[in-house]
C-alpha atoms as a PDB file:
ATOM      1  CA  UNK A   1     -16.231  -1.312 -10.342  1.00  0.00           C
ATOM      2  CA  UNK A   2     -16.479  -3.086 -13.654  1.00  0.00           C
ATOM      3  CA  UNK A   3     -14.796  -6.485 -13.735  1.00  0.00           C
ATOM      4  CA  UNK A   4     -13.680  -5.596 -17.259  1.00  0.00           C
ATOM      5  CA  UNK A   5     -11.699  -2.524 -16.183  1.00  0.00           C
ATOM      6  CA  UNK A   6      -8.284  -4.100 -15.663  1.00  0.00           C
ATOM      7  CA  UNK A   7      -8.361  -6.646 -18.512  1.00  0.00           C
ATOM      8  CA  UNK A   8      -9.526  -4.041 -21.035  1.00  0.00           C
ATOM      9  CA  UNK A   9      -7.230  -1.294 -19.691  1.00  0.00           C
ATOM     10  CA  UNK A  10      -4.345  -3.776 -19.937  1.00  0.00           C
ATOM     11  CA  UNK A  11      -5.195  -4.388 -23.605  1.00  0.00           C
ATOM     12  CA  UNK A  12      -5.386  -0.636 -24.273  1.00  0.00           C
ATOM     13  CA  UNK A  13      -2.044  -0.118 -22.515  1.00  0.00           C
ATOM     14  CA  UNK A  14      -0.439  -2.919 -24.562  1.00  0.00           C
ATOM     15  CA  UNK A  15      -1.748  -1.368 -27.798  1.00  0.00           C
ATOM     16  CA  UNK A  16      -0.375   2.042 -26.799  1.00  0.00           C
ATOM     17  CA  UNK A  17       2.947   0.449 -25.836  1.00  0.00           C
ATOM     18  CA  UNK A  18       3.115  -1.262 -29.238  1.00  0.00           C
ATOM     19  CA  UNK A  19       2.350   1.981 -31.078  1.00  0.00           C
ATOM     20  CA  UNK A  20       4.274   4.479 -28.944  1.00  0.00           C
ATOM     21  CA  UNK A  21       6.578   2.609 -26.592  1.00  0.00           C
ATOM     22  CA  UNK A  22       6.592   3.369 -22.884  1.00  0.00           C
ATOM     23  CA  UNK A  23       9.383   5.823 -22.263  1.00  0.00           C
ATOM     24  CA  UNK A  24       9.114   8.734 -19.846  1.00  0.00           C
ATOM     25  CA  UNK A  25       7.649  11.018 -22.503  1.00  0.00           C
ATOM     26  CA  UNK A  26       4.910   8.501 -23.337  1.00  0.00           C
ATOM     27  CA  UNK A  27       4.068   8.045 -19.659  1.00  0.00           C
ATOM     28  CA  UNK A  28       3.830  11.833 -19.338  1.00  0.00           C
ATOM     29  CA  UNK A  29       1.440  11.902 -22.305  1.00  0.00           C
ATOM     30  CA  UNK A  30      -0.741   9.271 -20.632  1.00  0.00           C
ATOM     31  CA  UNK A  31      -0.830  11.331 -17.457  1.00  0.00           C
ATOM     32  CA  UNK A  32      -1.758  14.410 -19.472  1.00  0.00           C
ATOM     33  CA  UNK A  33      -4.556  12.387 -21.111  1.00  0.00           C
ATOM     34  CA  UNK A  34      -6.129  11.977 -17.660  1.00  0.00           C
ATOM     35  CA  UNK A  35      -6.088  15.760 -17.304  1.00  0.00           C
ATOM     36  CA  UNK A  36      -7.566  16.233 -20.768  1.00  0.00           C
ATOM     37  CA  UNK A  37     -10.418  13.841 -20.003  1.00  0.00           C
ATOM     38  CA  UNK A  38     -11.064  15.533 -16.640  1.00  0.00           C
ATOM     39  CA  UNK A  39     -11.299  18.855 -18.459  1.00  0.00           C
ATOM     40  CA  UNK A  40     -13.828  17.371 -20.857  1.00  0.00           C
ATOM     41  CA  UNK A  41     -15.871  16.109 -17.895  1.00  0.00           C
ATOM     42  CA  UNK A  42     -15.802  19.576 -16.357  1.00  0.00           C
ATOM     43  CA  UNK A  43     -16.818  21.173 -19.657  1.00  0.00           C
ATOM     44  CA  UNK A  44     -19.696  18.706 -20.007  1.00  0.00           C
ATOM     45  CA  UNK A  45     -20.875  19.515 -16.494  1.00  0.00           C
ATOM     46  CA  UNK A  46     -20.765  23.244 -17.244  1.00  0.00           C
ATOM     47  CA  UNK A  47     -22.811  22.500 -20.366  1.00  0.00           C
ATOM     48  CA  UNK A  48     -25.257  20.323 -18.438  1.00  0.00           C
ATOM     49  CA  UNK A  49     -25.902  23.043 -15.868  1.00  0.00           C
ATOM     50  CA  UNK A  50     -26.101  25.907 -18.368  1.00  0.00           C
ATOM     51  CA  UNK A  51     -23.414  27.759 -16.417  1.00  0.00           C
ATOM     52  CA  UNK A  52     -22.267  29.570 -19.554  1.00  0.00           C
ATOM     53  CA  UNK A  53     -25.206  31.857 -20.447  1.00  0.00           C
ATOM     54  CA  UNK A  54     -23.824  32.450 -23.922  1.00  0.00           C
ATOM     55  CA  UNK A  55     -24.038  28.738 -24.751  1.00  0.00           C
ATOM     56  CA  UNK A  56     -26.906  27.602 -22.526  1.00  0.00           C
ATOM     57  CA  UNK A  57     -27.573  23.907 -21.982  1.00  0.00           C
ATOM     58  CA  UNK A  58     -25.256  21.968 -24.272  1.00  0.00           C
ATOM     59  CA  UNK A  59     -24.795  18.628 -22.494  1.00  0.00           C
ATOM     60  CA  UNK A  60     -26.782  16.105 -20.495  1.00  0.00           C
ATOM     61  CA  UNK A  61     -25.972  14.325 -17.245  1.00  0.00           C
ATOM     62  CA  UNK A  62     -25.329  11.253 -19.381  1.00  0.00           C
ATOM     63  CA  UNK A  63     -22.694  13.223 -21.303  1.00  0.00           C
ATOM     64  CA  UNK A  64     -21.024  14.061 -17.986  1.00  0.00           C
ATOM     65  CA  UNK A  65     -21.162  10.400 -16.924  1.00  0.00           C
ATOM     66  CA  UNK A  66     -19.576   9.334 -20.222  1.00  0.00           C
ATOM     67  CA  UNK A  67     -16.762  11.839 -19.775  1.00  0.00           C
ATOM     68  CA  UNK A  68     -16.172  10.675 -16.191  1.00  0.00           C
ATOM     69  CA  UNK A  69     -15.926   7.111 -17.475  1.00  0.00           C
ATOM     70  CA  UNK A  70     -13.275   8.330 -19.930  1.00  0.00           C
ATOM     71  CA  UNK A  71     -11.363   9.787 -16.967  1.00  0.00           C
ATOM     72  CA  UNK A  72     -11.439   6.408 -15.219  1.00  0.00           C
ATOM     73  CA  UNK A  73     -10.198   4.564 -18.312  1.00  0.00           C
ATOM     74  CA  UNK A  74      -7.418   7.094 -18.915  1.00  0.00           C
ATOM     75  CA  UNK A  75      -6.383   6.925 -15.248  1.00  0.00           C
ATOM     76  CA  UNK A  76      -6.328   3.113 -15.328  1.00  0.00           C
ATOM     77  CA  UNK A  77      -4.108   3.146 -18.415  1.00  0.00           C
ATOM     78  CA  UNK A  78      -1.784   5.715 -16.823  1.00  0.00           C
ATOM     79  CA  UNK A  79      -1.612   3.692 -13.610  1.00  0.00           C
ATOM     80  CA  UNK A  80      -0.853   0.486 -15.532  1.00  0.00           C
ATOM     81  CA  UNK A  81       1.885   2.386 -17.360  1.00  0.00           C
ATOM     82  CA  UNK A  82       3.532   3.343 -14.066  1.00  0.00           C
ATOM     83  CA  UNK A  83       3.355   0.123 -12.073  1.00  0.00           C
ATOM     84  CA  UNK A  84       2.960  -3.608 -12.509  1.00  0.00           C
ATOM     85  CA  UNK A  85       0.656  -3.594  -9.464  1.00  0.00           C
ATOM     86  CA  UNK A  86      -2.058  -1.190 -10.646  1.00  0.00           C
ATOM     87  CA  UNK A  87      -5.077  -3.189  -9.362  1.00  0.00           C
ATOM     88  CA  UNK A  88      -3.595  -3.531  -5.873  1.00  0.00           C
ATOM     89  CA  UNK A  89      -2.588   0.149  -5.819  1.00  0.00           C
ATOM     90  CA  UNK A  90      -6.173   1.150  -6.595  1.00  0.00           C
ATOM     91  CA  UNK A  91      -7.605  -1.377  -4.146  1.00  0.00           C
ATOM     92  CA  UNK A  92      -5.372  -0.047  -1.366  1.00  0.00           C
ATOM     93  CA  UNK A  93      -6.339   3.539  -2.187  1.00  0.00           C
ATOM     94  CA  UNK A  94     -10.047   2.690  -2.170  1.00  0.00           C
ATOM     95  CA  UNK A  95      -9.765   1.106   1.279  1.00  0.00           C
ATOM     96  CA  UNK A  96      -7.732   4.070   2.565  1.00  0.00           C
ATOM     97  CA  UNK A  97     -10.450   6.435   1.378  1.00  0.00           C
ATOM     98  CA  UNK A  98     -13.126   4.327   3.081  1.00  0.00           C
ATOM     99  CA  UNK A  99     -11.144   4.313   6.327  1.00  0.00           C
ATOM    100  CA  UNK A 100     -10.767   8.092   6.201  1.00  0.00           C
ATOM    101  CA  UNK A 101     -14.549   8.322   5.931  1.00  0.00           C
ATOM    102  CA  UNK A 102     -14.855   5.760   8.729  1.00  0.00           C
ATOM    103  CA  UNK A 103     -16.896   3.408   6.564  1.00  0.00           C
ATOM    104  CA  UNK A 104     -17.226  -0.122   7.938  1.00  0.00           C
ATOM    105  CA  UNK A 105     -15.647  -2.911   5.878  1.00  0.00           C
ATOM    106  CA  UNK A 106     -18.006  -4.259   3.223  1.00  0.00           C
ATOM    107  CA  UNK A 107     -18.461  -7.605   4.981  1.00  0.00           C
ATOM    108  CA  UNK A 108     -19.463  -5.833   8.228  1.00  0.00           C
ATOM    109  CA  UNK A 109     -22.540  -4.240   6.632  1.00  0.00           C
END
Protein backbone atom coordinates (compact mmCIF):
# COMPACT_ATOMS: atom_id res chain seq x y z
CA UNK A 1 0.00 0.00 0.00
CA UNK A 2 1.25 3.47 -0.77
CA UNK A 3 3.17 5.10 2.06
CA UNK A 4 1.44 8.34 1.08
CA UNK A 5 -2.08 7.00 1.70
CA UNK A 6 -2.54 8.03 5.32
CA UNK A 7 -0.68 11.37 5.23
CA UNK A 8 -2.52 12.49 2.09
CA UNK A 9 -5.90 11.10 3.21
CA UNK A 10 -5.40 12.95 6.51
CA UNK A 11 -4.84 16.20 4.59
CA UNK A 12 -7.95 15.58 2.47
CA UNK A 13 -9.98 14.83 5.60
CA UNK A 14 -8.73 18.02 7.29
CA UNK A 15 -9.69 20.07 4.21
CA UNK A 16 -13.17 18.51 4.17
CA UNK A 17 -13.51 19.13 7.91
CA UNK A 18 -12.55 22.78 7.40
CA UNK A 19 -15.06 23.20 4.57
CA UNK A 20 -17.94 21.07 5.84
CA UNK A 21 -17.35 20.21 9.49
CA UNK A 22 -17.58 16.63 10.69
CA UNK A 23 -21.06 16.14 12.04
CA UNK A 24 -23.08 12.97 11.52
CA UNK A 25 -24.50 14.22 8.23
CA UNK A 26 -21.02 14.95 6.86
CA UNK A 27 -19.77 11.52 7.93
CA UNK A 28 -22.77 9.98 6.16
CA UNK A 29 -21.88 11.93 3.01
CA UNK A 30 -18.32 10.59 3.17
CA UNK A 31 -19.64 7.05 3.49
CA UNK A 32 -21.94 7.64 0.53
CA UNK A 33 -18.93 8.92 -1.45
CA UNK A 34 -17.36 5.46 -1.07
CA UNK A 35 -20.50 3.98 -2.60
CA UNK A 36 -20.49 6.52 -5.42
CA UNK A 37 -16.87 5.73 -6.27
CA UNK A 38 -17.56 1.97 -6.15
CA UNK A 39 -20.42 2.51 -8.59
CA UNK A 40 -18.08 4.39 -10.92
CA UNK A 41 -15.60 1.50 -10.73
CA UNK A 42 -18.36 -0.95 -11.60
CA UNK A 43 -19.52 1.23 -14.50
CA UNK A 44 -15.95 1.46 -15.80
CA UNK A 45 -15.60 -2.31 -15.64
CA UNK A 46 -18.86 -2.76 -17.55
CA UNK A 47 -17.49 -0.32 -20.12
CA UNK A 48 -14.14 -2.11 -20.27
CA UNK A 49 -15.78 -5.47 -20.94
CA UNK A 50 -18.34 -4.16 -23.43
CA UNK A 51 -21.12 -5.70 -21.33
CA UNK A 52 -23.60 -3.09 -22.55
CA UNK A 53 -24.03 -3.87 -26.28
CA UNK A 54 -25.66 -0.51 -26.90
CA UNK A 55 -22.53 1.33 -25.73
CA UNK A 56 -19.79 -1.17 -26.56
CA UNK A 57 -16.29 -0.71 -25.19
CA UNK A 58 -16.17 2.65 -23.43
CA UNK A 59 -13.42 2.22 -20.82
CA UNK A 60 -10.02 0.61 -20.42
CA UNK A 61 -8.61 -1.53 -17.62
CA UNK A 62 -6.62 1.55 -16.62
CA UNK A 63 -9.90 3.45 -16.22
CA UNK A 64 -11.13 0.69 -13.91
CA UNK A 65 -7.88 0.83 -11.92
CA UNK A 66 -8.21 4.61 -11.56
CA UNK A 67 -11.76 4.26 -10.28
CA UNK A 68 -10.71 1.56 -7.80
CA UNK A 69 -8.00 3.91 -6.53
CA UNK A 70 -10.72 6.53 -6.01
CA UNK A 71 -12.63 3.97 -3.93
CA UNK A 72 -9.57 3.42 -1.73
CA UNK A 73 -9.05 7.15 -1.20
CA UNK A 74 -12.72 7.73 -0.40
CA UNK A 75 -12.73 4.78 2.01
CA UNK A 76 -9.58 6.06 3.75
CA UNK A 77 -11.14 9.50 4.20
CA UNK A 78 -14.36 7.95 5.54
CA UNK A 79 -12.40 5.73 7.92
CA UNK A 80 -10.35 8.69 9.17
CA UNK A 81 -13.61 10.56 9.71
CA UNK A 82 -14.93 7.77 11.95
CA UNK A 83 -11.92 6.92 14.09
CA UNK A 84 -8.64 8.36 15.29
CA UNK A 85 -7.07 4.93 14.73
CA UNK A 86 -7.75 4.44 11.01
CA UNK A 87 -4.32 3.01 10.06
CA UNK A 88 -4.44 0.40 12.83
CA UNK A 89 -8.05 -0.49 11.99
CA UNK A 90 -7.04 -1.17 8.38
CA UNK A 91 -3.89 -3.02 9.41
CA UNK A 92 -5.89 -5.28 11.73
CA UNK A 93 -8.46 -5.94 9.00
CA UNK A 94 -5.76 -6.79 6.47
CA UNK A 95 -4.20 -9.33 8.84
CA UNK A 96 -7.62 -10.81 9.64
CA UNK A 97 -8.27 -11.28 5.93
CA UNK A 98 -4.88 -12.95 5.48
CA UNK A 99 -5.57 -15.29 8.40
CA UNK A 100 -8.95 -16.24 6.93
CA UNK A 101 -7.14 -17.19 3.73
CA UNK A 102 -4.52 -19.01 5.81
CA UNK A 103 -1.70 -16.93 4.36
CA UNK A 104 1.58 -17.17 6.27
CA UNK A 105 2.84 -13.97 7.92
CA UNK A 106 4.93 -11.86 5.56
CA UNK A 107 8.17 -12.53 7.45
CA UNK A 108 7.59 -16.32 7.20
CA UNK A 109 7.74 -16.28 3.39
